[in-house]
Amino acid sequence: MRRNIKQELIFPVRSVEDESRKRRNHNFIECSHCPETASMPISVSAGAMGEEVLTKRFTRLGWYVSRVPGGHLCPTCNPTKQRAILTLVTPKPDNAEEPTVARELTFADRRIINAKLEETYENDLVGYREGWDDSLVAADLGTSVLWVEQLRSQNFGPAEGNRVIVELRAEQEQLAKRMEAFRTEGQALAAAFAELSAKLDAAGLKAA
């Protein structure tokens, strides 16, 4: 119980509204020297992450994580780490050969790519959130898709998650669409029946 209280103080939980206007709880970290904040979404299926996992993930993003509230430092204010700046890779023409990477993947590159994966990757059962994959993450950051594939595989999981789970979710979405179509059709039939019944009543006849 004491550990839970400590975790709540160090990484407070707040509800955040995403682009689809759905609210989701996040663990927040706040810099003690400037207004900078960062957060990690709490998985609906897996639940809240432990203090040790959160510490590792925020540290990976360049934060200094204090063991007491009010002592965190963001990547800009953290004197022990250089602020991560990702070197852009110029997109190649469609008919060009895959270029050789001119430099090695640095810690700064890893922090930025991992931060983007934290935003776009759901979990190892589902894989990427809707609308994202390795190539889109690489294009958004302007970096090598090979680096994205490498870090996603090492630190997060497969690109498409568990095939059975993915197929079940796709089937669920299809059934939901069919149910909505049936509901719309049922409303149209009910309206047509009511209209015919009104005409029969006006003619002095009784509807079946």
N, C-alpha and C. Protein backbone atom coordinates (compact mmCIF):
# COMPACT_ATOMS: atom_id res chain seq x y z
N MET A 1 0.83 -1.21 0.00
CA MET A 1 0.00 0.00 0.00
C MET A 1 0.86 1.25 0.00
N ARG A 2 1.95 1.26 0.77
CA ARG A 2 2.84 2.42 0.82
C ARG A 2 3.48 2.67 -0.53
N ARG A 3 3.79 1.58 -1.27
CA ARG A 3 4.40 1.74 -2.58
C ARG A 3 3.46 2.39 -3.57
N ASN A 4 2.18 2.05 -3.52
CA ASN A 4 1.20 2.64 -4.42
C ASN A 4 1.09 4.14 -4.20
N ILE A 5 1.10 4.56 -2.91
CA ILE A 5 1.03 5.98 -2.59
C ILE A 5 2.25 6.70 -3.13
N LYS A 6 3.42 6.09 -2.95
CA LYS A 6 4.66 6.69 -3.44
C LYS A 6 4.62 6.84 -4.95
N GLN A 7 4.14 5.80 -5.65
CA GLN A 7 4.07 5.85 -7.10
C GLN A 7 3.13 6.95 -7.55
N GLU A 8 2.00 7.12 -6.87
CA GLU A 8 1.04 8.14 -7.26
C GLU A 8 1.64 9.53 -7.11
N LEU A 9 2.46 9.72 -6.07
CA LEU A 9 3.08 11.03 -5.86
C LEU A 9 4.16 11.30 -6.90
N ILE A 10 4.95 10.29 -7.25
CA ILE A 10 6.04 10.48 -8.19
C ILE A 10 5.53 10.56 -9.62
N PHE A 11 4.58 9.72 -9.98
CA PHE A 11 4.01 9.69 -11.32
C PHE A 11 2.48 9.81 -11.21
N PRO A 12 1.96 11.02 -10.93
CA PRO A 12 0.52 11.19 -10.74
C PRO A 12 -0.28 10.76 -11.96
N VAL A 13 -1.47 10.25 -11.70
CA VAL A 13 -2.36 9.78 -12.77
C VAL A 13 -3.37 10.87 -13.10
N ARG A 14 -3.48 11.19 -14.40
CA ARG A 14 -4.45 12.18 -14.87
C ARG A 14 -5.16 11.66 -16.10
N SER A 15 -6.39 12.07 -16.28
CA SER A 15 -7.18 11.67 -17.43
C SER A 15 -6.92 12.64 -18.58
N VAL A 16 -6.62 12.09 -19.77
CA VAL A 16 -6.29 12.90 -20.94
C VAL A 16 -7.23 12.53 -22.08
N GLU A 17 -7.72 13.53 -22.79
CA GLU A 17 -8.59 13.32 -23.95
C GLU A 17 -7.74 13.23 -25.20
N ASP A 18 -7.87 12.10 -25.97
CA ASP A 18 -7.06 11.95 -27.18
C ASP A 18 -7.76 12.56 -28.39
N GLU A 19 -7.21 12.34 -29.59
CA GLU A 19 -7.74 12.95 -30.81
C GLU A 19 -9.15 12.48 -31.13
N SER A 20 -9.50 11.26 -30.71
CA SER A 20 -10.85 10.74 -30.95
C SER A 20 -11.83 11.15 -29.85
N ARG A 21 -11.39 12.08 -28.96
CA ARG A 21 -12.22 12.62 -27.88
C ARG A 21 -12.55 11.56 -26.82
N LYS A 22 -11.75 10.50 -26.78
CA LYS A 22 -11.89 9.50 -25.73
C LYS A 22 -10.89 9.80 -24.62
N ARG A 23 -11.29 9.63 -23.39
CA ARG A 23 -10.42 9.93 -22.25
C ARG A 23 -9.68 8.66 -21.82
N ARG A 24 -8.41 8.86 -21.45
CA ARG A 24 -7.57 7.74 -21.05
C ARG A 24 -6.61 8.21 -19.96
N ASN A 25 -6.40 7.38 -18.96
CA ASN A 25 -5.51 7.75 -17.87
C ASN A 25 -4.05 7.64 -18.30
N HIS A 26 -3.24 8.62 -17.86
CA HIS A 26 -1.81 8.65 -18.13
C HIS A 26 -1.05 8.84 -16.81
N ASN A 27 0.15 8.27 -16.72
CA ASN A 27 1.08 8.60 -15.65
C ASN A 27 1.93 9.78 -16.11
N PHE A 28 1.96 10.86 -15.30
CA PHE A 28 2.67 12.08 -15.67
C PHE A 28 3.97 12.23 -14.88
N ILE A 29 4.92 12.93 -15.52
CA ILE A 29 6.15 13.35 -14.84
C ILE A 29 6.32 14.83 -15.13
N GLU A 30 6.72 15.61 -14.13
CA GLU A 30 6.82 17.06 -14.27
C GLU A 30 8.23 17.52 -13.91
N CYS A 31 8.78 18.40 -14.73
CA CYS A 31 10.11 18.94 -14.47
C CYS A 31 10.05 19.92 -13.30
N SER A 32 11.06 19.85 -12.44
CA SER A 32 11.09 20.73 -11.27
C SER A 32 11.71 22.09 -11.59
N HIS A 33 12.29 22.24 -12.80
CA HIS A 33 12.95 23.49 -13.16
C HIS A 33 12.21 24.29 -14.22
N CYS A 34 11.26 23.66 -14.93
CA CYS A 34 10.51 24.36 -15.99
C CYS A 34 9.13 23.71 -16.11
N PRO A 35 8.23 24.26 -16.93
CA PRO A 35 6.87 23.71 -17.02
C PRO A 35 6.76 22.41 -17.81
N GLU A 36 7.86 21.87 -18.32
CA GLU A 36 7.81 20.68 -19.18
C GLU A 36 7.20 19.48 -18.44
N THR A 37 6.35 18.74 -19.16
CA THR A 37 5.78 17.50 -18.63
C THR A 37 5.86 16.42 -19.70
N ALA A 38 5.70 15.19 -19.28
CA ALA A 38 5.61 14.05 -20.20
C ALA A 38 4.67 13.04 -19.57
N SER A 39 4.16 12.12 -20.38
CA SER A 39 3.23 11.15 -19.83
C SER A 39 3.35 9.82 -20.55
N MET A 40 2.88 8.78 -19.88
CA MET A 40 2.79 7.43 -20.43
C MET A 40 1.35 6.96 -20.29
N PRO A 41 0.70 6.56 -21.40
CA PRO A 41 -0.68 6.08 -21.30
C PRO A 41 -0.76 4.78 -20.53
N ILE A 42 -1.81 4.63 -19.75
CA ILE A 42 -2.04 3.41 -18.99
C ILE A 42 -2.87 2.47 -19.86
N SER A 43 -2.34 1.29 -20.12
CA SER A 43 -3.03 0.34 -20.99
C SER A 43 -4.33 -0.12 -20.35
N VAL A 44 -5.39 -0.14 -21.16
CA VAL A 44 -6.70 -0.57 -20.66
C VAL A 44 -6.66 -2.05 -20.32
N SER A 45 -5.93 -2.83 -21.13
CA SER A 45 -5.90 -4.28 -20.93
C SER A 45 -4.89 -4.71 -19.88
N ALA A 46 -3.69 -4.06 -19.87
CA ALA A 46 -2.62 -4.49 -18.97
C ALA A 46 -2.63 -3.77 -17.63
N GLY A 47 -3.30 -2.61 -17.56
CA GLY A 47 -3.35 -1.86 -16.32
C GLY A 47 -2.13 -0.96 -16.14
N ALA A 48 -2.00 -0.38 -14.97
CA ALA A 48 -0.93 0.59 -14.70
C ALA A 48 0.43 -0.10 -14.65
N MET A 49 1.47 0.62 -15.11
CA MET A 49 2.84 0.13 -15.03
C MET A 49 3.41 0.39 -13.65
N GLY A 50 4.34 -0.43 -13.22
CA GLY A 50 4.97 -0.24 -11.93
C GLY A 50 5.94 0.92 -11.95
N GLU A 51 6.36 1.33 -10.77
CA GLU A 51 7.27 2.47 -10.63
C GLU A 51 8.59 2.21 -11.35
N GLU A 52 9.09 0.99 -11.27
CA GLU A 52 10.38 0.67 -11.90
C GLU A 52 10.28 0.78 -13.42
N VAL A 53 9.19 0.27 -13.99
CA VAL A 53 9.01 0.33 -15.44
C VAL A 53 8.87 1.78 -15.91
N LEU A 54 8.08 2.57 -15.18
CA LEU A 54 7.91 3.98 -15.54
C LEU A 54 9.24 4.72 -15.44
N THR A 55 10.01 4.44 -14.41
CA THR A 55 11.31 5.09 -14.26
C THR A 55 12.20 4.80 -15.45
N LYS A 56 12.26 3.53 -15.88
CA LYS A 56 13.09 3.15 -17.03
C LYS A 56 12.62 3.85 -18.30
N ARG A 57 11.31 3.93 -18.49
CA ARG A 57 10.79 4.51 -19.74
C ARG A 57 11.01 6.01 -19.80
N PHE A 58 10.81 6.71 -18.69
CA PHE A 58 11.06 8.15 -18.70
C PHE A 58 12.56 8.44 -18.80
N THR A 59 13.37 7.61 -18.17
CA THR A 59 14.83 7.78 -18.28
C THR A 59 15.28 7.58 -19.72
N ARG A 60 14.66 6.62 -20.38
CA ARG A 60 14.98 6.36 -21.79
C ARG A 60 14.66 7.55 -22.67
N LEU A 61 13.72 8.37 -22.27
CA LEU A 61 13.35 9.57 -23.01
C LEU A 61 14.23 10.77 -22.64
N GLY A 62 15.19 10.58 -21.73
CA GLY A 62 16.11 11.65 -21.39
C GLY A 62 15.83 12.34 -20.08
N TRP A 63 14.82 11.89 -19.33
CA TRP A 63 14.47 12.51 -18.05
C TRP A 63 15.39 12.00 -16.93
N TYR A 64 15.64 12.89 -15.97
CA TYR A 64 16.22 12.45 -14.70
C TYR A 64 15.05 12.23 -13.75
N VAL A 65 14.89 11.00 -13.28
CA VAL A 65 13.76 10.64 -12.42
C VAL A 65 14.24 10.62 -10.97
N SER A 66 13.65 11.49 -10.17
CA SER A 66 13.98 11.55 -8.75
C SER A 66 13.17 10.52 -7.98
N ARG A 67 13.71 10.06 -6.88
CA ARG A 67 13.00 9.11 -6.03
C ARG A 67 12.03 9.80 -5.09
N VAL A 68 12.04 11.11 -5.09
CA VAL A 68 11.09 11.87 -4.26
C VAL A 68 10.36 12.85 -5.16
N PRO A 69 9.10 13.19 -4.85
CA PRO A 69 8.34 14.13 -5.66
C PRO A 69 9.02 15.49 -5.74
N GLY A 70 8.92 16.13 -6.89
CA GLY A 70 9.44 17.48 -7.05
C GLY A 70 10.90 17.55 -7.42
N GLY A 71 11.52 16.43 -7.78
CA GLY A 71 12.93 16.46 -8.11
C GLY A 71 13.26 16.04 -9.53
N HIS A 72 12.23 15.82 -10.37
CA HIS A 72 12.48 15.37 -11.74
C HIS A 72 13.07 16.49 -12.59
N LEU A 73 13.84 16.09 -13.61
CA LEU A 73 14.41 17.05 -14.57
C LEU A 73 14.12 16.55 -15.98
N CYS A 74 13.58 17.44 -16.82
CA CYS A 74 13.28 17.09 -18.21
C CYS A 74 14.58 16.99 -19.02
N PRO A 75 14.54 16.47 -20.26
CA PRO A 75 15.77 16.35 -21.05
C PRO A 75 16.51 17.67 -21.24
N THR A 76 15.78 18.81 -21.29
CA THR A 76 16.43 20.10 -21.47
C THR A 76 17.18 20.52 -20.20
N CYS A 77 16.59 20.29 -19.05
CA CYS A 77 17.17 20.72 -17.78
C CYS A 77 18.11 19.68 -17.17
N ASN A 78 18.10 18.48 -17.70
CA ASN A 78 18.91 17.39 -17.16
C ASN A 78 20.37 17.59 -17.57
N PRO A 79 21.27 17.88 -16.63
CA PRO A 79 22.67 18.15 -16.99
C PRO A 79 23.45 16.91 -17.38
N THR A 80 22.89 15.72 -17.12
CA THR A 80 23.64 14.50 -17.39
C THR A 80 23.38 13.95 -18.79
N LYS A 81 22.42 14.55 -19.53
CA LYS A 81 22.09 14.04 -20.86
C LYS A 81 21.96 15.18 -21.85
N GLN A 82 22.42 14.93 -23.08
CA GLN A 82 22.27 15.91 -24.14
C GLN A 82 20.87 15.78 -24.71
N ARG A 83 20.23 16.90 -25.02
CA ARG A 83 18.88 16.85 -25.56
C ARG A 83 18.87 16.08 -26.87
N ALA A 84 17.91 15.17 -27.02
CA ALA A 84 17.87 14.31 -28.20
C ALA A 84 17.41 15.08 -29.43
N ILE A 85 18.22 15.04 -30.47
CA ILE A 85 17.85 15.66 -31.75
C ILE A 85 18.07 14.61 -32.82
N LEU A 86 17.02 14.23 -33.53
CA LEU A 86 17.09 13.17 -34.52
C LEU A 86 17.54 13.74 -35.85
N THR A 87 18.57 13.16 -36.45
CA THR A 87 19.05 13.59 -37.75
C THR A 87 18.11 13.08 -38.82
N LEU A 88 17.63 13.99 -39.66
CA LEU A 88 16.69 13.62 -40.71
C LEU A 88 17.40 12.88 -41.83
N VAL A 89 16.69 11.95 -42.45
CA VAL A 89 17.20 11.22 -43.61
C VAL A 89 16.41 11.67 -44.83
N THR A 90 17.07 12.12 -45.88
CA THR A 90 16.38 12.60 -47.08
C THR A 90 15.67 11.45 -47.75
N PRO A 91 14.33 11.58 -48.05
CA PRO A 91 13.62 10.50 -48.71
C PRO A 91 14.25 10.16 -50.06
N LYS A 92 14.30 8.87 -50.40
CA LYS A 92 14.91 8.45 -51.66
C LYS A 92 13.84 8.31 -52.74
N PRO A 93 14.19 8.48 -54.02
CA PRO A 93 13.24 8.26 -55.10
C PRO A 93 12.77 6.81 -55.11
N ASP A 94 11.59 6.59 -55.73
CA ASP A 94 11.02 5.24 -55.75
C ASP A 94 11.92 4.24 -56.45
N ASN A 95 12.67 4.70 -57.48
CA ASN A 95 13.48 3.78 -58.26
C ASN A 95 14.92 3.69 -57.76
N ALA A 96 15.22 4.34 -56.63
CA ALA A 96 16.59 4.33 -56.11
C ALA A 96 16.81 3.12 -55.23
N GLU A 97 18.06 2.68 -55.14
CA GLU A 97 18.40 1.56 -54.28
C GLU A 97 18.45 2.01 -52.83
N GLU A 98 18.25 1.07 -51.92
CA GLU A 98 18.29 1.38 -50.49
C GLU A 98 19.68 1.89 -50.12
N PRO A 99 19.80 3.12 -49.61
CA PRO A 99 21.12 3.66 -49.30
C PRO A 99 21.70 3.02 -48.05
N THR A 100 22.99 3.06 -47.96
CA THR A 100 23.67 2.56 -46.77
C THR A 100 23.62 3.62 -45.68
N VAL A 101 23.23 3.20 -44.47
CA VAL A 101 23.15 4.16 -43.37
C VAL A 101 24.55 4.69 -43.06
N ALA A 102 24.69 6.02 -43.10
CA ALA A 102 26.02 6.63 -42.99
C ALA A 102 26.52 6.65 -41.55
N ARG A 103 25.65 6.47 -40.57
CA ARG A 103 26.07 6.54 -39.19
C ARG A 103 25.31 5.53 -38.36
N GLU A 104 25.81 5.26 -37.17
CA GLU A 104 25.18 4.30 -36.29
C GLU A 104 24.02 4.95 -35.53
N LEU A 105 23.13 4.11 -35.06
CA LEU A 105 22.01 4.56 -34.26
C LEU A 105 22.52 5.04 -32.91
N THR A 106 22.27 6.30 -32.59
CA THR A 106 22.77 6.88 -31.34
C THR A 106 21.73 6.77 -30.23
N PHE A 107 22.15 7.09 -29.00
CA PHE A 107 21.21 7.09 -27.88
C PHE A 107 20.14 8.16 -28.09
N ALA A 108 20.51 9.29 -28.68
CA ALA A 108 19.54 10.34 -28.95
C ALA A 108 18.48 9.86 -29.93
N ASP A 109 18.92 9.16 -30.99
CA ASP A 109 17.97 8.59 -31.96
C ASP A 109 17.03 7.61 -31.26
N ARG A 110 17.60 6.76 -30.41
CA ARG A 110 16.80 5.76 -29.72
C ARG A 110 15.71 6.42 -28.86
N ARG A 111 16.05 7.49 -28.15
CA ARG A 111 15.08 8.14 -27.28
C ARG A 111 13.91 8.68 -28.09
N ILE A 112 14.20 9.33 -29.21
CA ILE A 112 13.12 9.94 -29.99
C ILE A 112 12.26 8.88 -30.67
N ILE A 113 12.88 7.85 -31.24
CA ILE A 113 12.10 6.79 -31.88
C ILE A 113 11.26 6.05 -30.85
N ASN A 114 11.86 5.74 -29.69
CA ASN A 114 11.10 5.05 -28.63
C ASN A 114 9.95 5.91 -28.13
N ALA A 115 10.15 7.22 -28.06
CA ALA A 115 9.07 8.11 -27.61
C ALA A 115 7.91 8.06 -28.60
N LYS A 116 8.21 8.03 -29.90
CA LYS A 116 7.15 7.95 -30.91
C LYS A 116 6.45 6.59 -30.84
N LEU A 117 7.21 5.54 -30.59
CA LEU A 117 6.60 4.22 -30.46
C LEU A 117 5.69 4.15 -29.24
N GLU A 118 6.06 4.86 -28.16
CA GLU A 118 5.19 4.91 -26.98
C GLU A 118 3.83 5.50 -27.35
N GLU A 119 3.82 6.47 -28.28
CA GLU A 119 2.57 7.12 -28.70
C GLU A 119 1.74 6.24 -29.62
N THR A 120 2.40 5.46 -30.49
CA THR A 120 1.69 4.81 -31.58
C THR A 120 1.50 3.30 -31.41
N TYR A 121 2.22 2.68 -30.46
CA TYR A 121 2.16 1.23 -30.29
C TYR A 121 1.29 0.90 -29.08
N GLU A 122 0.30 0.03 -29.29
CA GLU A 122 -0.64 -0.31 -28.21
C GLU A 122 -0.01 -1.31 -27.24
N ASN A 123 0.19 -2.54 -27.66
CA ASN A 123 0.84 -3.56 -26.84
C ASN A 123 1.19 -4.75 -27.74
N ASP A 124 1.84 -5.79 -27.15
CA ASP A 124 2.31 -6.90 -27.97
C ASP A 124 1.18 -7.81 -28.44
N LEU A 125 -0.02 -7.65 -27.91
CA LEU A 125 -1.16 -8.44 -28.38
C LEU A 125 -1.82 -7.81 -29.60
N VAL A 126 -1.87 -6.49 -29.61
CA VAL A 126 -2.56 -5.76 -30.68
C VAL A 126 -1.59 -5.22 -31.72
N GLY A 127 -0.40 -4.83 -31.29
CA GLY A 127 0.56 -4.21 -32.21
C GLY A 127 0.34 -2.70 -32.25
N TYR A 128 0.54 -2.13 -33.43
CA TYR A 128 0.36 -0.69 -33.60
C TYR A 128 -1.10 -0.29 -33.43
N ARG A 129 -1.31 0.95 -32.96
CA ARG A 129 -2.65 1.51 -32.95
C ARG A 129 -3.08 1.78 -34.39
N GLU A 130 -4.38 1.93 -34.61
CA GLU A 130 -4.92 2.11 -35.95
C GLU A 130 -4.29 3.32 -36.63
N GLY A 131 -3.88 3.13 -37.89
CA GLY A 131 -3.32 4.22 -38.66
C GLY A 131 -1.81 4.35 -38.58
N TRP A 132 -1.14 3.39 -37.90
CA TRP A 132 0.31 3.47 -37.76
C TRP A 132 0.97 2.15 -38.12
N ASP A 133 2.20 2.22 -38.64
CA ASP A 133 3.05 1.06 -38.83
C ASP A 133 4.50 1.55 -38.85
N ASP A 134 5.44 0.63 -39.07
CA ASP A 134 6.86 1.00 -39.04
C ASP A 134 7.18 2.12 -40.04
N SER A 135 6.68 1.97 -41.27
CA SER A 135 7.01 2.94 -42.30
C SER A 135 6.43 4.32 -42.01
N LEU A 136 5.23 4.37 -41.44
CA LEU A 136 4.60 5.66 -41.13
C LEU A 136 5.30 6.35 -39.96
N VAL A 137 5.75 5.57 -38.98
CA VAL A 137 6.52 6.15 -37.87
C VAL A 137 7.83 6.73 -38.40
N ALA A 138 8.51 5.96 -39.28
CA ALA A 138 9.77 6.43 -39.86
C ALA A 138 9.55 7.70 -40.68
N ALA A 139 8.47 7.73 -41.47
CA ALA A 139 8.19 8.91 -42.28
C ALA A 139 7.87 10.12 -41.41
N ASP A 140 7.15 9.90 -40.31
CA ASP A 140 6.79 11.00 -39.41
C ASP A 140 8.04 11.61 -38.77
N LEU A 141 9.02 10.77 -38.46
CA LEU A 141 10.25 11.24 -37.82
C LEU A 141 11.32 11.62 -38.84
N GLY A 142 11.14 11.16 -40.10
CA GLY A 142 12.14 11.42 -41.12
C GLY A 142 13.40 10.61 -40.91
N THR A 143 13.24 9.35 -40.53
CA THR A 143 14.41 8.51 -40.24
C THR A 143 14.26 7.16 -40.92
N SER A 144 15.21 6.28 -40.69
CA SER A 144 15.25 4.99 -41.35
C SER A 144 14.19 4.04 -40.78
N VAL A 145 13.45 3.39 -41.69
CA VAL A 145 12.45 2.42 -41.25
C VAL A 145 13.12 1.22 -40.60
N LEU A 146 14.37 0.94 -40.98
CA LEU A 146 15.10 -0.17 -40.38
C LEU A 146 15.35 0.07 -38.90
N TRP A 147 15.64 1.32 -38.54
CA TRP A 147 15.83 1.66 -37.12
C TRP A 147 14.53 1.49 -36.34
N VAL A 148 13.43 1.93 -36.94
CA VAL A 148 12.12 1.80 -36.28
C VAL A 148 11.80 0.33 -36.07
N GLU A 149 11.99 -0.49 -37.10
CA GLU A 149 11.73 -1.93 -36.98
C GLU A 149 12.59 -2.55 -35.87
N GLN A 150 13.86 -2.16 -35.82
CA GLN A 150 14.77 -2.71 -34.83
C GLN A 150 14.34 -2.38 -33.41
N LEU A 151 14.04 -1.10 -33.14
CA LEU A 151 13.68 -0.69 -31.78
C LEU A 151 12.30 -1.19 -31.39
N ARG A 152 11.37 -1.19 -32.34
CA ARG A 152 10.04 -1.72 -32.05
C ARG A 152 10.11 -3.20 -31.69
N SER A 153 10.91 -3.97 -32.44
CA SER A 153 11.05 -5.40 -32.17
C SER A 153 11.74 -5.67 -30.84
N GLN A 154 12.77 -4.87 -30.51
CA GLN A 154 13.53 -5.08 -29.28
C GLN A 154 12.77 -4.67 -28.03
N ASN A 155 12.03 -3.55 -28.10
CA ASN A 155 11.49 -2.93 -26.89
C ASN A 155 9.97 -3.01 -26.74
N PHE A 156 9.26 -3.35 -27.82
CA PHE A 156 7.80 -3.29 -27.74
C PHE A 156 7.12 -4.60 -28.13
N GLY A 157 7.36 -5.10 -29.32
CA GLY A 157 6.72 -6.33 -29.73
C GLY A 157 6.55 -6.38 -31.24
N PRO A 158 5.80 -7.36 -31.75
CA PRO A 158 5.60 -7.49 -33.20
C PRO A 158 4.76 -6.35 -33.76
N ALA A 159 4.95 -6.07 -35.04
CA ALA A 159 4.26 -4.94 -35.67
C ALA A 159 2.75 -5.13 -35.67
N GLU A 160 2.30 -6.36 -35.89
CA GLU A 160 0.86 -6.62 -36.01
C GLU A 160 0.29 -7.33 -34.80
N GLY A 161 1.09 -7.57 -33.79
CA GLY A 161 0.59 -8.21 -32.58
C GLY A 161 0.22 -9.66 -32.81
N ASN A 162 -0.58 -10.18 -31.91
CA ASN A 162 -1.05 -11.57 -31.99
C ASN A 162 -2.08 -11.69 -33.09
N ARG A 163 -1.81 -12.56 -34.07
CA ARG A 163 -2.69 -12.69 -35.23
C ARG A 163 -4.11 -13.05 -34.83
N VAL A 164 -4.27 -13.92 -33.84
CA VAL A 164 -5.62 -14.32 -33.42
C VAL A 164 -6.38 -13.12 -32.86
N ILE A 165 -5.70 -12.31 -32.01
CA ILE A 165 -6.35 -11.14 -31.44
C ILE A 165 -6.72 -10.15 -32.52
N VAL A 166 -5.81 -9.93 -33.46
CA VAL A 166 -6.08 -8.99 -34.56
C VAL A 166 -7.28 -9.43 -35.38
N GLU A 167 -7.35 -10.73 -35.69
CA GLU A 167 -8.46 -11.25 -36.48
C GLU A 167 -9.78 -11.15 -35.71
N LEU A 168 -9.74 -11.42 -34.40
CA LEU A 168 -10.95 -11.31 -33.59
C LEU A 168 -11.46 -9.87 -33.55
N ARG A 169 -10.54 -8.92 -33.42
CA ARG A 169 -10.95 -7.51 -33.40
C ARG A 169 -11.53 -7.09 -34.74
N ALA A 170 -10.93 -7.58 -35.85
CA ALA A 170 -11.44 -7.25 -37.18
C ALA A 170 -12.84 -7.84 -37.36
N GLU A 171 -13.04 -9.08 -36.88
CA GLU A 171 -14.36 -9.71 -36.98
C GLU A 171 -15.38 -8.96 -36.13
N GLN A 172 -14.95 -8.50 -34.95
CA GLN A 172 -15.85 -7.73 -34.09
C GLN A 172 -16.29 -6.44 -34.78
N GLU A 173 -15.34 -5.77 -35.45
CA GLU A 173 -15.67 -4.53 -36.16
C GLU A 173 -16.66 -4.78 -37.28
N GLN A 174 -16.48 -5.90 -38.02
CA GLN A 174 -17.40 -6.24 -39.10
C GLN A 174 -18.81 -6.52 -38.57
N LEU A 175 -18.88 -7.25 -37.44
CA LEU A 175 -20.19 -7.54 -36.84
C LEU A 175 -20.87 -6.26 -36.36
N ALA A 176 -20.08 -5.34 -35.82
CA ALA A 176 -20.64 -4.07 -35.38
C ALA A 176 -21.24 -3.29 -36.55
N LYS A 177 -20.55 -3.32 -37.70
CA LYS A 177 -21.07 -2.64 -38.90
C LYS A 177 -22.36 -3.29 -39.38
N ARG A 178 -22.41 -4.62 -39.34
CA ARG A 178 -23.62 -5.33 -39.77
C ARG A 178 -24.79 -5.02 -38.83
N MET A 179 -24.50 -4.98 -37.52
CA MET A 179 -25.55 -4.66 -36.55
C MET A 179 -26.10 -3.25 -36.79
N GLU A 180 -25.23 -2.31 -37.11
CA GLU A 180 -25.66 -0.95 -37.37
C GLU A 180 -26.52 -0.90 -38.64
N ALA A 181 -26.13 -1.71 -39.66
CA ALA A 181 -26.92 -1.76 -40.90
C ALA A 181 -28.31 -2.33 -40.63
N PHE A 182 -28.37 -3.40 -39.81
CA PHE A 182 -29.66 -4.00 -39.46
C PHE A 182 -30.53 -3.01 -38.68
N ARG A 183 -29.88 -2.27 -37.78
CA ARG A 183 -30.63 -1.30 -36.98
C ARG A 183 -31.24 -0.21 -37.89
N THR A 184 -30.44 0.27 -38.84
CA THR A 184 -30.94 1.30 -39.77
C THR A 184 -32.07 0.76 -40.62
N GLU A 185 -31.90 -0.48 -41.12
CA GLU A 185 -32.94 -1.09 -41.94
C GLU A 185 -34.22 -1.30 -41.12
N GLY A 186 -34.06 -1.72 -39.86
CA GLY A 186 -35.22 -1.93 -39.01
C GLY A 186 -35.99 -0.64 -38.77
N GLN A 187 -35.28 0.46 -38.58
CA GLN A 187 -35.93 1.76 -38.39
C GLN A 187 -36.70 2.17 -39.65
N ALA A 188 -36.13 1.89 -40.84
CA ALA A 188 -36.80 2.24 -42.10
C ALA A 188 -38.07 1.40 -42.28
N LEU A 189 -37.99 0.10 -41.96
CA LEU A 189 -39.16 -0.78 -42.07
C LEU A 189 -40.26 -0.36 -41.11
N ALA A 190 -39.87 0.01 -39.89
CA ALA A 190 -40.85 0.44 -38.90
C ALA A 190 -41.56 1.71 -39.35
N ALA A 191 -40.81 2.63 -39.95
CA ALA A 191 -41.40 3.86 -40.44
C ALA A 191 -42.36 3.60 -41.60
N ALA A 192 -41.98 2.66 -42.50
CA ALA A 192 -42.85 2.32 -43.62
C ALA A 192 -44.12 1.64 -43.14
N PHE A 193 -43.99 0.76 -42.14
CA PHE A 193 -45.17 0.08 -41.58
C PHE A 193 -46.11 1.08 -40.93
N ALA A 194 -45.55 2.04 -40.19
CA ALA A 194 -46.38 3.05 -39.55
C ALA A 194 -47.12 3.90 -40.58
N GLU A 195 -46.46 4.21 -41.68
CA GLU A 195 -47.09 5.02 -42.73
C GLU A 195 -48.25 4.27 -43.38
N LEU A 196 -48.06 2.97 -43.68
CA LEU A 196 -49.12 2.17 -44.29
C LEU A 196 -50.29 1.99 -43.32
N SER A 197 -49.97 1.81 -42.03
CA SER A 197 -51.03 1.67 -41.03
C SER A 197 -51.87 2.93 -40.96
N ALA A 198 -51.25 4.08 -41.06
CA ALA A 198 -51.97 5.35 -41.03
C ALA A 198 -52.90 5.48 -42.23
N LYS A 199 -52.45 5.04 -43.39
CA LYS A 199 -53.29 5.10 -44.59
C LYS A 199 -54.49 4.17 -44.48
N LEU A 200 -54.26 2.97 -43.91
CA LEU A 200 -55.36 2.04 -43.73
C LEU A 200 -56.39 2.58 -42.73
N ASP A 201 -55.90 3.17 -41.66
CA ASP A 201 -56.80 3.76 -40.68
C ASP A 201 -57.64 4.87 -41.31
N ALA A 202 -57.01 5.67 -42.15
CA ALA A 202 -57.73 6.77 -42.81
C ALA A 202 -58.82 6.23 -43.75
N ALA A 203 -58.57 5.02 -44.30
CA ALA A 203 -59.55 4.40 -45.22
C ALA A 203 -60.60 3.60 -44.45
N GLY A 204 -60.49 3.58 -43.14
CA GLY A 204 -61.43 2.83 -42.33
C GLY A 204 -61.15 1.34 -42.27
N LEU A 205 -59.95 0.97 -42.66
CA LEU A 205 -59.55 -0.42 -42.62
C LEU A 205 -58.59 -0.65 -41.46
N LYS A 206 -58.53 -1.89 -41.02
CA LYS A 206 -57.68 -2.22 -39.89
C LYS A 206 -56.42 -2.92 -40.41
N ALA A 207 -55.26 -2.45 -39.91
CA ALA A 207 -54.00 -3.06 -40.34
C ALA A 207 -53.87 -4.46 -39.80
N ALA A 208 -53.16 -5.32 -40.54
CA ALA A 208 -52.98 -6.71 -40.12
C ALA A 208 -52.10 -6.76 -38.87
